Amino acid sequence: MTQELRRHFHEELNDLELEVIKMGMASQAIFEDSIRSIVNNDSSLCGRVIAADDEVDKYYLDVE
C-alpha cells in the first residue's frame, strides 16, 4: 500500500512539473511577443499577446 501511494505521489508530482514547465514556456513566448509588438509597434501582435494570456491563466488554474 505504501509503495502504491508513493508511486502515485511521484506520478502526480511529475504531471505537475510538466504543467509548470508548459506554463513557463507559454509565458516566455508571450513575453517575447509582447516585447516584439512594442519594438515593432505591431498592434496586431499585441492583440494576439492579450488573447494568449488566457492560455497562461488556464495553466495557472490547472496547477493551483
Protein backbone atom coordinates (compact mmCIF):
# COMPACT_ATOMS: atom_id res chain seq x y z
CA MET A 1 0.00 0.00 0.00
CA THR A 2 2.77 2.46 0.90
CA GLN A 3 4.63 1.74 -2.33
CA GLU A 4 1.46 2.37 -4.34
CA LEU A 5 0.86 5.70 -2.59
CA ARG A 6 4.46 6.72 -3.15
CA ARG A 7 4.26 5.79 -6.84
CA HIS A 8 1.01 7.72 -7.24
CA PHE A 9 2.52 10.75 -5.47
CA HIS A 10 5.52 10.76 -7.81
CA GLU A 11 3.31 10.42 -10.87
CA GLU A 12 1.24 13.40 -9.74
CA LEU A 13 4.39 15.36 -8.96
CA ASN A 14 5.78 14.64 -12.44
CA ASP A 15 2.50 15.73 -14.04
CA LEU A 16 2.59 18.95 -12.03
CA GLU A 17 6.18 19.59 -13.07
CA LEU A 18 5.25 19.20 -16.73
CA GLU A 19 2.34 21.63 -16.37
CA VAL A 20 4.58 24.21 -14.70
CA ILE A 21 7.15 23.82 -17.49
CA LYS A 22 4.42 24.29 -20.13
CA MET A 23 3.15 27.37 -18.29
CA GLY A 24 6.66 28.81 -18.19
CA MET A 25 7.21 28.18 -21.88
CA ALA A 26 3.88 29.79 -22.78
CA SER A 27 4.69 32.76 -20.53
CA GLN A 28 8.10 33.17 -22.13
CA ALA A 29 6.60 33.11 -25.63
CA ILE A 30 4.01 35.71 -24.65
CA PHE A 31 6.68 37.89 -23.06
CA GLU A 32 8.88 37.72 -26.16
CA ASP A 33 5.91 38.53 -28.39
CA SER A 34 4.93 41.44 -26.18
CA ILE A 35 8.41 42.94 -26.45
CA ARG A 36 8.39 42.35 -30.21
CA SER A 37 4.98 44.03 -30.51
CA ILE A 38 6.28 47.12 -28.68
CA VAL A 39 9.57 47.32 -30.60
CA ASN A 40 7.81 46.90 -33.95
CA ASN A 41 4.73 48.92 -32.97
CA ASP A 42 2.64 45.93 -34.05
CA SER A 43 -0.87 46.33 -32.67
CA SER A 44 -2.00 43.08 -34.29
CA LEU A 45 0.67 41.11 -32.41
CA CYS A 46 -0.24 43.00 -29.26
CA GLY A 47 -3.82 41.77 -29.64
CA ARG A 48 -2.60 38.18 -30.01
CA VAL A 49 -0.48 38.58 -26.87
CA ILE A 50 -3.51 39.72 -24.91
CA ALA A 51 -5.57 36.80 -26.22
CA ALA A 52 -2.78 34.32 -25.45
CA ASP A 53 -2.82 35.35 -21.80
CA ASP A 54 -5.90 33.15 -21.36
CA GLU A 55 -3.70 30.12 -22.06
CA VAL A 56 -1.34 31.03 -19.22
CA ASP A 57 -4.30 31.73 -16.95
CA LYS A 58 -5.63 28.24 -17.70
CA TYR A 59 -2.28 26.66 -16.80
CA TYR A 60 -2.27 28.66 -13.57
CA LEU A 61 -5.74 27.46 -12.62
CA ASP A 62 -4.86 23.86 -13.50
CA VAL A 63 -1.73 23.98 -11.36
CA GLU A 64 -3.47 25.68 -8.48
